[in-house]
């Protein structure tokens, strides 16, 4: 039983074994979240079952996909985090993470963070190499939480602990950050006094 990928991915692996190519449904000419996630699952499948040729093909396809539509790095990172755990990093997951680190405005704030699950967002929030200031880290969290606010608000409050308010301008604290309801009035008031 292969429980970490869908039937379409298994069929693609079989197709590759007989043809040496990926099926047309996995084409990077039409980049989408679904194609990115399926290719990431296929890449994981190749690594688990040691299909080196398939792993090479999926790695190249995923890199091209990220290069064509960088926001898809978020879906790839999320899919591989879900499959492998947020800590484990293989080469394509590293490439996706590096893309997010270097281009957070185009990836995470470009709509990609909304596709991510809680564990992936938490990994991003804790990543010290992310090229953003604290206010933009707040914006990333806020973009994620706003995609499904009722369900994600309690999680966003917990994840907000990773944001150091003292590095955010006072005006932004008392307007945008306060409105988010991730922080108490007391927390915001104490930081404003320090600034």
N, C-alpha and C. Protein backbone atom coordinates (compact mmCIF):
# COMPACT_ATOMS: atom_id res chain seq x y z
N UNK A 1 0.84 -1.18 0.00
CA UNK A 1 0.00 0.00 0.00
C UNK A 1 0.89 1.24 0.00
N UNK A 2 0.62 2.13 -0.93
CA UNK A 2 1.34 3.40 -1.02
C UNK A 2 0.35 4.47 -0.57
N UNK A 3 0.53 4.95 0.66
CA UNK A 3 -0.45 5.88 1.22
C UNK A 3 -0.02 7.34 1.16
N UNK A 4 1.14 7.62 0.58
CA UNK A 4 1.62 9.01 0.56
C UNK A 4 1.45 9.69 -0.79
N UNK A 5 0.78 9.02 -1.72
CA UNK A 5 0.53 9.66 -3.01
C UNK A 5 -0.78 9.15 -3.60
N UNK A 6 -1.29 9.92 -4.53
CA UNK A 6 -2.57 9.55 -5.13
C UNK A 6 -2.37 8.57 -6.30
N UNK A 7 -3.48 8.03 -6.78
CA UNK A 7 -3.45 7.03 -7.85
C UNK A 7 -2.82 7.58 -9.12
N UNK A 8 -3.08 8.85 -9.41
CA UNK A 8 -2.52 9.49 -10.60
C UNK A 8 -0.99 9.46 -10.58
N UNK A 9 -0.42 9.63 -9.41
CA UNK A 9 1.04 9.62 -9.24
C UNK A 9 1.60 8.22 -9.50
N UNK A 10 0.93 7.22 -8.97
CA UNK A 10 1.38 5.83 -9.20
C UNK A 10 1.31 5.48 -10.68
N UNK A 11 0.23 5.89 -11.33
CA UNK A 11 0.11 5.65 -12.78
C UNK A 11 1.24 6.36 -13.53
N UNK A 12 1.59 7.55 -13.09
CA UNK A 12 2.68 8.29 -13.74
C UNK A 12 4.01 7.57 -13.57
N UNK A 13 4.24 6.98 -12.40
CA UNK A 13 5.47 6.22 -12.16
C UNK A 13 5.54 5.01 -13.08
N UNK A 14 4.42 4.30 -13.23
CA UNK A 14 4.37 3.14 -14.14
C UNK A 14 4.58 3.60 -15.58
N UNK A 15 3.93 4.69 -15.95
CA UNK A 15 4.09 5.24 -17.31
C UNK A 15 5.57 5.55 -17.58
N UNK A 16 6.23 6.15 -16.60
CA UNK A 16 7.66 6.48 -16.77
C UNK A 16 8.50 5.22 -16.92
N UNK A 17 8.17 4.17 -16.17
CA UNK A 17 8.93 2.91 -16.26
C UNK A 17 8.89 2.33 -17.67
N UNK A 18 7.76 2.49 -18.35
CA UNK A 18 7.61 1.91 -19.70
C UNK A 18 8.01 2.85 -20.82
N UNK A 19 7.89 4.17 -20.60
CA UNK A 19 8.15 5.10 -21.69
C UNK A 19 9.39 5.97 -21.47
N UNK A 20 9.82 6.09 -20.22
CA UNK A 20 10.95 6.97 -19.91
C UNK A 20 10.56 8.44 -19.85
N UNK A 21 9.25 8.71 -19.94
CA UNK A 21 8.76 10.08 -19.93
C UNK A 21 7.65 10.23 -18.89
N UNK A 22 7.35 11.48 -18.58
CA UNK A 22 6.22 11.75 -17.71
C UNK A 22 4.95 11.83 -18.56
N UNK A 23 3.80 11.43 -18.01
CA UNK A 23 2.56 11.55 -18.78
C UNK A 23 2.18 13.01 -19.00
N UNK A 24 1.33 13.25 -19.96
CA UNK A 24 0.98 14.63 -20.34
C UNK A 24 0.30 15.40 -19.21
N UNK A 25 -0.38 14.71 -18.29
CA UNK A 25 -1.02 15.40 -17.17
C UNK A 25 -0.01 16.05 -16.23
N UNK A 26 1.24 15.65 -16.34
CA UNK A 26 2.30 16.18 -15.48
C UNK A 26 3.15 17.21 -16.23
N UNK A 27 2.58 17.76 -17.28
CA UNK A 27 3.30 18.72 -18.10
C UNK A 27 3.52 20.04 -17.35
N UNK A 28 4.72 20.54 -17.45
CA UNK A 28 5.03 21.82 -16.82
C UNK A 28 4.67 23.00 -17.72
N UNK A 29 4.15 22.70 -18.91
CA UNK A 29 3.74 23.79 -19.81
C UNK A 29 2.49 24.50 -19.30
N UNK A 30 1.75 23.84 -18.42
CA UNK A 30 0.59 24.48 -17.77
C UNK A 30 0.80 24.43 -16.26
N UNK A 31 1.66 25.32 -15.74
CA UNK A 31 1.98 25.27 -14.32
C UNK A 31 0.78 25.57 -13.43
N UNK A 32 0.54 24.71 -12.46
CA UNK A 32 -0.56 24.90 -11.53
C UNK A 32 -0.19 24.26 -10.19
N UNK A 33 -0.96 24.58 -9.17
CA UNK A 33 -0.72 23.98 -7.85
C UNK A 33 -0.86 22.46 -7.93
N UNK A 34 -1.86 21.97 -8.65
CA UNK A 34 -2.08 20.53 -8.76
C UNK A 34 -0.89 19.83 -9.42
N UNK A 35 -0.40 20.39 -10.51
CA UNK A 35 0.76 19.80 -11.20
C UNK A 35 1.97 19.82 -10.26
N UNK A 36 2.18 20.91 -9.55
CA UNK A 36 3.31 21.02 -8.62
C UNK A 36 3.22 19.97 -7.53
N UNK A 37 2.05 19.82 -6.93
CA UNK A 37 1.88 18.84 -5.86
C UNK A 37 2.04 17.41 -6.37
N UNK A 38 1.48 17.12 -7.54
CA UNK A 38 1.62 15.77 -8.10
C UNK A 38 3.07 15.45 -8.44
N UNK A 39 3.77 16.42 -9.02
CA UNK A 39 5.20 16.19 -9.31
C UNK A 39 6.00 16.01 -8.02
N UNK A 40 5.66 16.77 -6.99
CA UNK A 40 6.36 16.62 -5.71
C UNK A 40 6.10 15.23 -5.11
N UNK A 41 4.86 14.76 -5.21
CA UNK A 41 4.55 13.40 -4.74
C UNK A 41 5.32 12.37 -5.55
N UNK A 42 5.39 12.58 -6.86
CA UNK A 42 6.11 11.65 -7.73
C UNK A 42 7.60 11.65 -7.39
N UNK A 43 8.15 12.82 -7.10
CA UNK A 43 9.54 12.92 -6.69
C UNK A 43 9.78 12.15 -5.39
N UNK A 44 8.87 12.31 -4.46
CA UNK A 44 8.98 11.59 -3.18
C UNK A 44 8.88 10.08 -3.42
N UNK A 45 7.95 9.67 -4.26
CA UNK A 45 7.79 8.26 -4.63
C UNK A 45 9.10 7.71 -5.20
N UNK A 46 9.71 8.47 -6.10
CA UNK A 46 10.97 8.05 -6.72
C UNK A 46 12.07 7.87 -5.69
N UNK A 47 12.12 8.77 -4.70
CA UNK A 47 13.16 8.65 -3.67
C UNK A 47 12.90 7.48 -2.73
N UNK A 48 11.65 7.27 -2.35
CA UNK A 48 11.31 6.18 -1.43
C UNK A 48 11.62 4.84 -2.06
N UNK A 49 11.25 4.67 -3.33
CA UNK A 49 11.43 3.38 -4.01
C UNK A 49 12.69 3.32 -4.86
N UNK A 50 13.54 4.31 -4.74
CA UNK A 50 14.84 4.36 -5.40
C UNK A 50 14.76 4.19 -6.92
N UNK A 51 13.82 4.93 -7.53
CA UNK A 51 13.74 5.00 -8.98
C UNK A 51 14.55 6.23 -9.39
N UNK A 52 15.85 6.02 -9.53
CA UNK A 52 16.76 7.14 -9.77
C UNK A 52 16.44 7.92 -11.05
N UNK A 53 16.13 7.22 -12.12
CA UNK A 53 15.83 7.90 -13.39
C UNK A 53 14.58 8.76 -13.24
N UNK A 54 13.57 8.24 -12.57
CA UNK A 54 12.34 9.00 -12.34
C UNK A 54 12.63 10.20 -11.43
N UNK A 55 13.48 9.99 -10.43
CA UNK A 55 13.86 11.08 -9.54
C UNK A 55 14.55 12.22 -10.27
N UNK A 56 15.40 11.88 -11.23
CA UNK A 56 16.07 12.91 -12.03
C UNK A 56 15.08 13.70 -12.88
N UNK A 57 14.15 12.97 -13.49
CA UNK A 57 13.15 13.62 -14.34
C UNK A 57 12.26 14.54 -13.52
N UNK A 58 11.80 14.07 -12.37
CA UNK A 58 10.92 14.90 -11.54
C UNK A 58 11.67 16.10 -10.97
N UNK A 59 12.91 15.90 -10.60
CA UNK A 59 13.71 17.01 -10.06
C UNK A 59 13.84 18.12 -11.11
N UNK A 60 14.21 17.74 -12.32
CA UNK A 60 14.35 18.74 -13.40
C UNK A 60 13.01 19.42 -13.70
N UNK A 61 11.94 18.63 -13.72
CA UNK A 61 10.61 19.20 -14.01
C UNK A 61 10.19 20.18 -12.91
N UNK A 62 10.46 19.82 -11.67
CA UNK A 62 10.08 20.70 -10.55
C UNK A 62 10.89 22.00 -10.56
N UNK A 63 12.17 21.90 -10.88
CA UNK A 63 12.99 23.13 -10.98
C UNK A 63 12.46 24.04 -12.09
N UNK A 64 12.15 23.45 -13.24
CA UNK A 64 11.61 24.24 -14.35
C UNK A 64 10.27 24.87 -13.96
N UNK A 65 9.47 24.11 -13.24
CA UNK A 65 8.16 24.62 -12.80
C UNK A 65 8.33 25.83 -11.89
N UNK A 66 9.26 25.74 -10.95
CA UNK A 66 9.53 26.87 -10.05
C UNK A 66 10.07 28.05 -10.84
N UNK A 67 10.96 27.79 -11.79
CA UNK A 67 11.54 28.87 -12.59
C UNK A 67 10.49 29.56 -13.47
N UNK A 68 9.49 28.81 -13.89
CA UNK A 68 8.43 29.39 -14.73
C UNK A 68 7.40 30.15 -13.91
N UNK A 69 7.07 29.62 -12.74
CA UNK A 69 6.05 30.23 -11.88
C UNK A 69 6.50 30.04 -10.43
N UNK A 70 7.28 30.98 -9.95
CA UNK A 70 7.99 30.85 -8.68
C UNK A 70 7.05 30.63 -7.48
N UNK A 71 5.83 31.11 -7.56
CA UNK A 71 4.89 30.94 -6.45
C UNK A 71 4.63 29.46 -6.15
N UNK A 72 4.83 28.60 -7.13
CA UNK A 72 4.61 27.16 -6.94
C UNK A 72 5.63 26.53 -6.00
N UNK A 73 6.70 27.24 -5.69
CA UNK A 73 7.66 26.75 -4.70
C UNK A 73 6.95 26.49 -3.37
N UNK A 74 5.93 27.28 -3.07
CA UNK A 74 5.18 27.11 -1.82
C UNK A 74 4.44 25.78 -1.80
N UNK A 75 3.78 25.43 -2.90
CA UNK A 75 3.04 24.16 -2.97
C UNK A 75 4.00 22.98 -2.91
N UNK A 76 5.15 23.09 -3.56
CA UNK A 76 6.13 22.00 -3.56
C UNK A 76 6.71 21.81 -2.17
N UNK A 77 7.12 22.91 -1.53
CA UNK A 77 7.64 22.83 -0.17
C UNK A 77 6.59 22.23 0.77
N UNK A 78 5.36 22.69 0.66
CA UNK A 78 4.29 22.20 1.52
C UNK A 78 4.04 20.72 1.31
N UNK A 79 3.97 20.30 0.06
CA UNK A 79 3.70 18.89 -0.25
C UNK A 79 4.81 18.00 0.29
N UNK A 80 6.06 18.42 0.11
CA UNK A 80 7.17 17.60 0.61
C UNK A 80 7.30 17.68 2.12
N UNK A 81 6.89 18.77 2.72
CA UNK A 81 6.88 18.87 4.19
C UNK A 81 5.84 17.93 4.76
N UNK A 82 4.69 17.88 4.09
CA UNK A 82 3.61 16.99 4.52
C UNK A 82 4.04 15.53 4.38
N UNK A 83 4.75 15.22 3.32
CA UNK A 83 5.17 13.84 3.06
C UNK A 83 6.38 13.43 3.91
N UNK A 84 7.32 14.36 4.09
CA UNK A 84 8.60 14.02 4.71
C UNK A 84 8.77 14.60 6.10
N UNK A 85 7.90 15.50 6.50
CA UNK A 85 8.09 16.22 7.75
C UNK A 85 8.78 17.54 7.46
N UNK A 86 8.48 18.55 8.26
CA UNK A 86 9.00 19.90 8.00
C UNK A 86 10.51 19.99 8.13
N UNK A 87 11.12 19.09 8.91
CA UNK A 87 12.56 19.17 9.12
C UNK A 87 13.40 18.56 8.01
N UNK A 88 12.92 17.46 7.43
CA UNK A 88 13.69 16.77 6.40
C UNK A 88 13.73 17.62 5.13
N UNK A 89 14.92 17.72 4.52
CA UNK A 89 15.04 18.54 3.32
C UNK A 89 15.83 17.78 2.26
N UNK A 90 15.18 17.47 1.13
CA UNK A 90 15.91 16.89 0.01
C UNK A 90 16.27 18.02 -0.96
N UNK A 91 16.86 17.69 -2.07
CA UNK A 91 17.38 18.75 -2.94
C UNK A 91 16.28 19.63 -3.56
N UNK A 92 15.14 19.07 -3.99
CA UNK A 92 14.12 19.92 -4.59
C UNK A 92 13.38 20.69 -3.51
N UNK A 93 13.22 20.11 -2.36
CA UNK A 93 12.60 20.85 -1.25
C UNK A 93 13.52 22.01 -0.85
N UNK A 94 14.81 21.80 -0.87
CA UNK A 94 15.78 22.85 -0.57
C UNK A 94 15.68 23.96 -1.62
N UNK A 95 15.56 23.58 -2.89
CA UNK A 95 15.43 24.57 -3.97
C UNK A 95 14.15 25.40 -3.78
N UNK A 96 13.06 24.75 -3.42
CA UNK A 96 11.80 25.46 -3.18
C UNK A 96 11.95 26.40 -1.99
N UNK A 97 12.56 25.92 -0.91
CA UNK A 97 12.77 26.74 0.28
C UNK A 97 13.68 27.93 -0.04
N UNK A 98 14.75 27.69 -0.77
CA UNK A 98 15.64 28.79 -1.16
C UNK A 98 14.92 29.82 -2.02
N UNK A 99 14.03 29.36 -2.89
CA UNK A 99 13.25 30.28 -3.72
C UNK A 99 12.35 31.15 -2.84
N UNK A 100 11.74 30.55 -1.84
CA UNK A 100 10.89 31.32 -0.93
C UNK A 100 11.73 32.29 -0.09
N UNK A 101 12.90 31.85 0.33
CA UNK A 101 13.78 32.72 1.13
C UNK A 101 14.24 33.94 0.34
N UNK A 102 14.60 33.72 -0.91
CA UNK A 102 15.14 34.80 -1.74
C UNK A 102 14.05 35.69 -2.34
N UNK A 103 12.86 35.14 -2.54
CA UNK A 103 11.78 35.90 -3.19
C UNK A 103 10.47 35.76 -2.42
N UNK A 104 10.44 36.16 -1.15
CA UNK A 104 9.22 35.97 -0.36
C UNK A 104 8.02 36.76 -0.88
N UNK A 105 8.27 37.90 -1.50
CA UNK A 105 7.16 38.70 -2.03
C UNK A 105 6.51 38.00 -3.23
N UNK A 106 7.30 37.33 -4.03
CA UNK A 106 6.78 36.65 -5.21
C UNK A 106 6.21 35.26 -4.90
N UNK A 107 6.67 34.66 -3.82
CA UNK A 107 6.24 33.30 -3.48
C UNK A 107 5.16 33.34 -2.39
N UNK A 108 5.60 33.59 -1.18
CA UNK A 108 4.69 33.55 -0.03
C UNK A 108 3.61 34.63 -0.11
N UNK A 109 4.03 35.87 -0.34
CA UNK A 109 3.06 36.97 -0.42
C UNK A 109 2.45 37.10 -1.81
N UNK A 110 2.90 36.27 -2.74
CA UNK A 110 2.32 36.23 -4.08
C UNK A 110 1.14 35.27 -4.16
N UNK A 111 0.67 34.79 -3.02
CA UNK A 111 -0.48 33.89 -2.96
C UNK A 111 -0.16 32.47 -2.56
N UNK A 112 1.12 32.10 -2.57
CA UNK A 112 1.51 30.72 -2.29
C UNK A 112 1.31 30.29 -0.86
N UNK A 113 1.42 31.22 0.09
CA UNK A 113 1.28 30.84 1.50
C UNK A 113 -0.12 30.30 1.79
N UNK A 114 -1.10 30.72 1.04
CA UNK A 114 -2.48 30.27 1.27
C UNK A 114 -2.65 28.78 1.00
N UNK A 115 -1.77 28.21 0.19
CA UNK A 115 -1.86 26.78 -0.13
C UNK A 115 -1.25 25.91 0.96
N UNK A 116 -0.54 26.51 1.87
CA UNK A 116 0.27 25.75 2.82
C UNK A 116 -0.53 25.28 4.04
N UNK A 117 -0.07 24.17 4.58
CA UNK A 117 -0.65 23.63 5.80
C UNK A 117 0.09 24.25 7.00
N UNK A 118 -0.48 24.07 8.16
CA UNK A 118 0.02 24.68 9.39
C UNK A 118 1.51 24.40 9.63
N UNK A 119 1.93 23.15 9.49
CA UNK A 119 3.33 22.80 9.77
C UNK A 119 4.30 23.53 8.85
N UNK A 120 3.91 23.69 7.60
CA UNK A 120 4.78 24.40 6.65
C UNK A 120 4.88 25.88 6.99
N UNK A 121 3.75 26.48 7.35
CA UNK A 121 3.76 27.89 7.73
C UNK A 121 4.60 28.09 8.98
N UNK A 122 4.49 27.17 9.92
CA UNK A 122 5.30 27.27 11.14
C UNK A 122 6.79 27.17 10.81
N UNK A 123 7.15 26.29 9.90
CA UNK A 123 8.56 26.18 9.49
C UNK A 123 9.04 27.49 8.87
N UNK A 124 8.19 28.13 8.09
CA UNK A 124 8.53 29.43 7.48
C UNK A 124 8.68 30.49 8.56
N UNK A 125 7.76 30.51 9.51
CA UNK A 125 7.79 31.51 10.58
C UNK A 125 9.07 31.40 11.43
N UNK A 126 9.59 30.20 11.55
CA UNK A 126 10.78 29.97 12.37
C UNK A 126 12.08 30.06 11.57
N UNK A 127 11.98 30.21 10.28
CA UNK A 127 13.16 30.22 9.41
C UNK A 127 13.90 31.55 9.53
N UNK A 128 15.08 31.51 10.11
CA UNK A 128 15.87 32.72 10.32
C UNK A 128 16.53 33.23 9.04
N UNK A 129 16.52 32.42 7.98
CA UNK A 129 17.14 32.83 6.72
C UNK A 129 16.15 33.46 5.74
N UNK A 130 14.89 33.57 6.14
CA UNK A 130 13.88 34.19 5.28
C UNK A 130 14.21 35.67 5.13
N UNK A 131 14.24 36.16 3.91
CA UNK A 131 14.66 37.54 3.62
C UNK A 131 13.49 38.52 3.77
N UNK A 132 12.98 38.62 5.01
CA UNK A 132 11.89 39.56 5.30
C UNK A 132 12.10 40.17 6.69
N UNK A 133 11.54 41.37 6.88
CA UNK A 133 11.57 41.96 8.21
C UNK A 133 10.37 41.42 8.99
N UNK A 134 10.24 41.82 10.24
CA UNK A 134 9.18 41.29 11.10
C UNK A 134 7.79 41.67 10.61
N UNK A 135 7.64 42.87 10.06
CA UNK A 135 6.33 43.26 9.57
C UNK A 135 5.91 42.39 8.39
N UNK A 136 6.83 42.08 7.50
CA UNK A 136 6.48 41.23 6.37
C UNK A 136 6.26 39.78 6.80
N UNK A 137 6.93 39.35 7.87
CA UNK A 137 6.64 38.03 8.42
C UNK A 137 5.20 38.03 8.95
N UNK A 138 4.80 39.13 9.59
CA UNK A 138 3.40 39.28 10.02
C UNK A 138 2.47 39.22 8.81
N UNK A 139 2.84 39.90 7.72
CA UNK A 139 2.00 39.90 6.51
C UNK A 139 1.86 38.48 5.94
N UNK A 140 2.92 37.70 6.01
CA UNK A 140 2.86 36.31 5.54
C UNK A 140 1.86 35.53 6.38
N UNK A 141 1.97 35.66 7.70
CA UNK A 141 1.05 34.97 8.60
C UNK A 141 -0.39 35.44 8.35
N UNK A 142 -0.56 36.73 8.19
CA UNK A 142 -1.89 37.29 7.97
C UNK A 142 -2.48 36.81 6.65
N UNK A 143 -1.67 36.71 5.61
CA UNK A 143 -2.15 36.21 4.31
C UNK A 143 -2.61 34.77 4.43
N UNK A 144 -1.86 33.97 5.19
CA UNK A 144 -2.22 32.57 5.39
C UNK A 144 -3.53 32.47 6.18
N UNK A 145 -3.61 33.21 7.27
CA UNK A 145 -4.78 33.13 8.14
C UNK A 145 -6.05 33.65 7.45
N UNK A 146 -5.92 34.65 6.62
CA UNK A 146 -7.09 35.23 5.97
C UNK A 146 -7.71 34.31 4.93
N UNK A 147 -6.98 33.31 4.48
CA UNK A 147 -7.52 32.38 3.49
C UNK A 147 -8.64 31.52 4.07
N UNK A 148 -8.63 31.31 5.37
CA UNK A 148 -9.67 30.53 6.05
C UNK A 148 -9.69 31.01 7.50
N UNK A 149 -10.12 32.24 7.70
CA UNK A 149 -9.93 32.93 8.98
C UNK A 149 -10.55 32.23 10.17
N UNK A 150 -11.73 31.68 10.05
CA UNK A 150 -12.37 31.04 11.20
C UNK A 150 -11.56 29.86 11.72
N UNK A 151 -11.07 29.06 10.81
CA UNK A 151 -10.31 27.87 11.18
C UNK A 151 -8.86 28.19 11.56
N UNK A 152 -8.28 29.16 10.88
CA UNK A 152 -6.85 29.43 11.06
C UNK A 152 -6.52 30.47 12.13
N UNK A 153 -7.51 31.23 12.62
CA UNK A 153 -7.23 32.28 13.59
C UNK A 153 -6.55 31.76 14.86
N UNK A 154 -7.03 30.68 15.48
CA UNK A 154 -6.33 30.19 16.69
C UNK A 154 -4.89 29.76 16.40
N UNK A 155 -4.67 29.17 15.25
CA UNK A 155 -3.31 28.76 14.86
C UNK A 155 -2.45 29.99 14.62
N UNK A 156 -3.02 30.99 13.95
CA UNK A 156 -2.27 32.23 13.67
C UNK A 156 -1.87 32.91 14.97
N UNK A 157 -2.74 32.88 15.96
CA UNK A 157 -2.39 33.47 17.27
C UNK A 157 -1.19 32.75 17.88
N UNK A 158 -1.20 31.42 17.77
CA UNK A 158 -0.07 30.65 18.30
C UNK A 158 1.21 30.93 17.51
N UNK A 159 1.10 30.96 16.19
CA UNK A 159 2.28 31.19 15.35
C UNK A 159 2.81 32.62 15.47
N UNK A 160 1.96 33.54 15.89
CA UNK A 160 2.40 34.93 16.03
C UNK A 160 3.48 35.08 17.09
N UNK A 161 3.65 34.09 17.94
CA UNK A 161 4.71 34.12 18.96
C UNK A 161 6.09 34.22 18.31
N UNK A 162 6.19 33.84 17.05
CA UNK A 162 7.47 33.87 16.36
C UNK A 162 7.80 35.26 15.79
N UNK A 163 6.88 36.20 15.95
CA UNK A 163 7.08 37.56 15.43
C UNK A 163 7.52 38.47 16.57
N UNK A 164 8.64 39.14 16.38
CA UNK A 164 9.15 40.06 17.40
C UNK A 164 8.60 41.45 17.11
N UNK A 165 7.59 41.82 17.89
CA UNK A 165 6.87 43.08 17.68
C UNK A 165 7.76 44.31 17.81
N UNK A 166 8.81 44.23 18.61
CA UNK A 166 9.66 45.40 18.85
C UNK A 166 10.38 45.89 17.59
N UNK A 167 10.39 45.06 16.55
CA UNK A 167 11.05 45.45 15.31
C UNK A 167 10.07 45.98 14.26
N UNK A 168 8.82 46.19 14.66
CA UNK A 168 7.80 46.72 13.75
C UNK A 168 7.52 48.17 14.12
N UNK A 169 7.39 49.02 13.13
CA UNK A 169 7.13 50.45 13.36
C UNK A 169 5.84 50.64 14.15
N UNK A 170 5.84 51.65 15.01
CA UNK A 170 4.71 51.91 15.89
C UNK A 170 3.40 52.08 15.12
N UNK A 171 3.43 52.85 14.06
CA UNK A 171 2.21 53.09 13.29
C UNK A 171 1.61 51.79 12.75
N UNK A 172 2.46 50.89 12.28
CA UNK A 172 1.99 49.61 11.78
C UNK A 172 1.47 48.73 12.91
N UNK A 173 2.10 48.82 14.07
CA UNK A 173 1.66 48.06 15.24
C UNK A 173 0.24 48.45 15.64
N UNK A 174 0.01 49.74 15.75
CA UNK A 174 -1.28 50.20 16.26
C UNK A 174 -2.39 50.17 15.21
N UNK A 175 -2.04 49.91 13.97
CA UNK A 175 -3.07 49.81 12.94
C UNK A 175 -3.21 48.36 12.48
N UNK A 176 -2.38 47.94 11.57
CA UNK A 176 -2.54 46.62 10.94
C UNK A 176 -2.34 45.45 11.91
N UNK A 177 -1.30 45.52 12.71
CA UNK A 177 -1.02 44.41 13.63
C UNK A 177 -2.13 44.29 14.67
N UNK A 178 -2.57 45.39 15.22
CA UNK A 178 -3.64 45.37 16.23
C UNK A 178 -4.92 44.78 15.63
N UNK A 179 -5.27 45.17 14.41
CA UNK A 179 -6.51 44.68 13.77
C UNK A 179 -6.52 43.16 13.57
N UNK A 180 -5.36 42.56 13.48
CA UNK A 180 -5.28 41.12 13.22
C UNK A 180 -5.85 40.28 14.36
N UNK A 181 -5.80 40.82 15.56
CA UNK A 181 -6.25 40.12 16.77
C UNK A 181 -5.37 38.92 17.13
N UNK A 182 -4.15 38.89 16.62
CA UNK A 182 -3.20 37.83 17.00
C UNK A 182 -2.53 38.15 18.32
N UNK A 183 -2.50 39.43 18.66
CA UNK A 183 -1.82 39.89 19.86
C UNK A 183 -2.82 40.59 20.77
N UNK A 184 -2.58 40.53 22.07
CA UNK A 184 -3.45 41.23 23.01
C UNK A 184 -3.11 42.71 23.02
N UNK A 185 -4.05 43.51 23.52
CA UNK A 185 -3.81 44.95 23.67
C UNK A 185 -2.61 45.18 24.58
N UNK A 186 -2.49 44.35 25.60
CA UNK A 186 -1.38 44.48 26.55
C UNK A 186 -0.04 44.26 25.84
N UNK A 187 0.05 43.24 24.99
CA UNK A 187 1.29 42.97 24.27
C UNK A 187 1.67 44.15 23.38
N UNK A 188 0.71 44.66 22.65
CA UNK A 188 0.99 45.79 21.75
C UNK A 188 1.34 47.03 22.56
N UNK A 189 0.61 47.28 23.64
CA UNK A 189 0.89 48.44 24.49
C UNK A 189 2.29 48.42 25.08
N UNK A 190 2.73 47.26 25.54
CA UNK A 190 4.07 47.13 26.13
C UNK A 190 5.15 47.40 25.11
N UNK A 191 4.95 46.92 23.88
CA UNK A 191 5.95 47.13 22.84
C UNK A 191 5.97 48.60 22.43
N UNK A 192 4.82 49.23 22.33
CA UNK A 192 4.76 50.64 21.95
C UNK A 192 5.50 51.47 22.98
N UNK A 193 5.39 51.16 24.27
CA UNK A 193 6.11 51.87 25.32
C UNK A 193 7.62 51.75 25.14
N UNK A 194 8.08 50.57 24.73
CA UNK A 194 9.52 50.32 24.54
C UNK A 194 10.08 51.11 23.36
N UNK A 195 9.25 51.30 22.35
CA UNK A 195 9.71 51.97 21.14
C UNK A 195 9.68 53.43 21.40
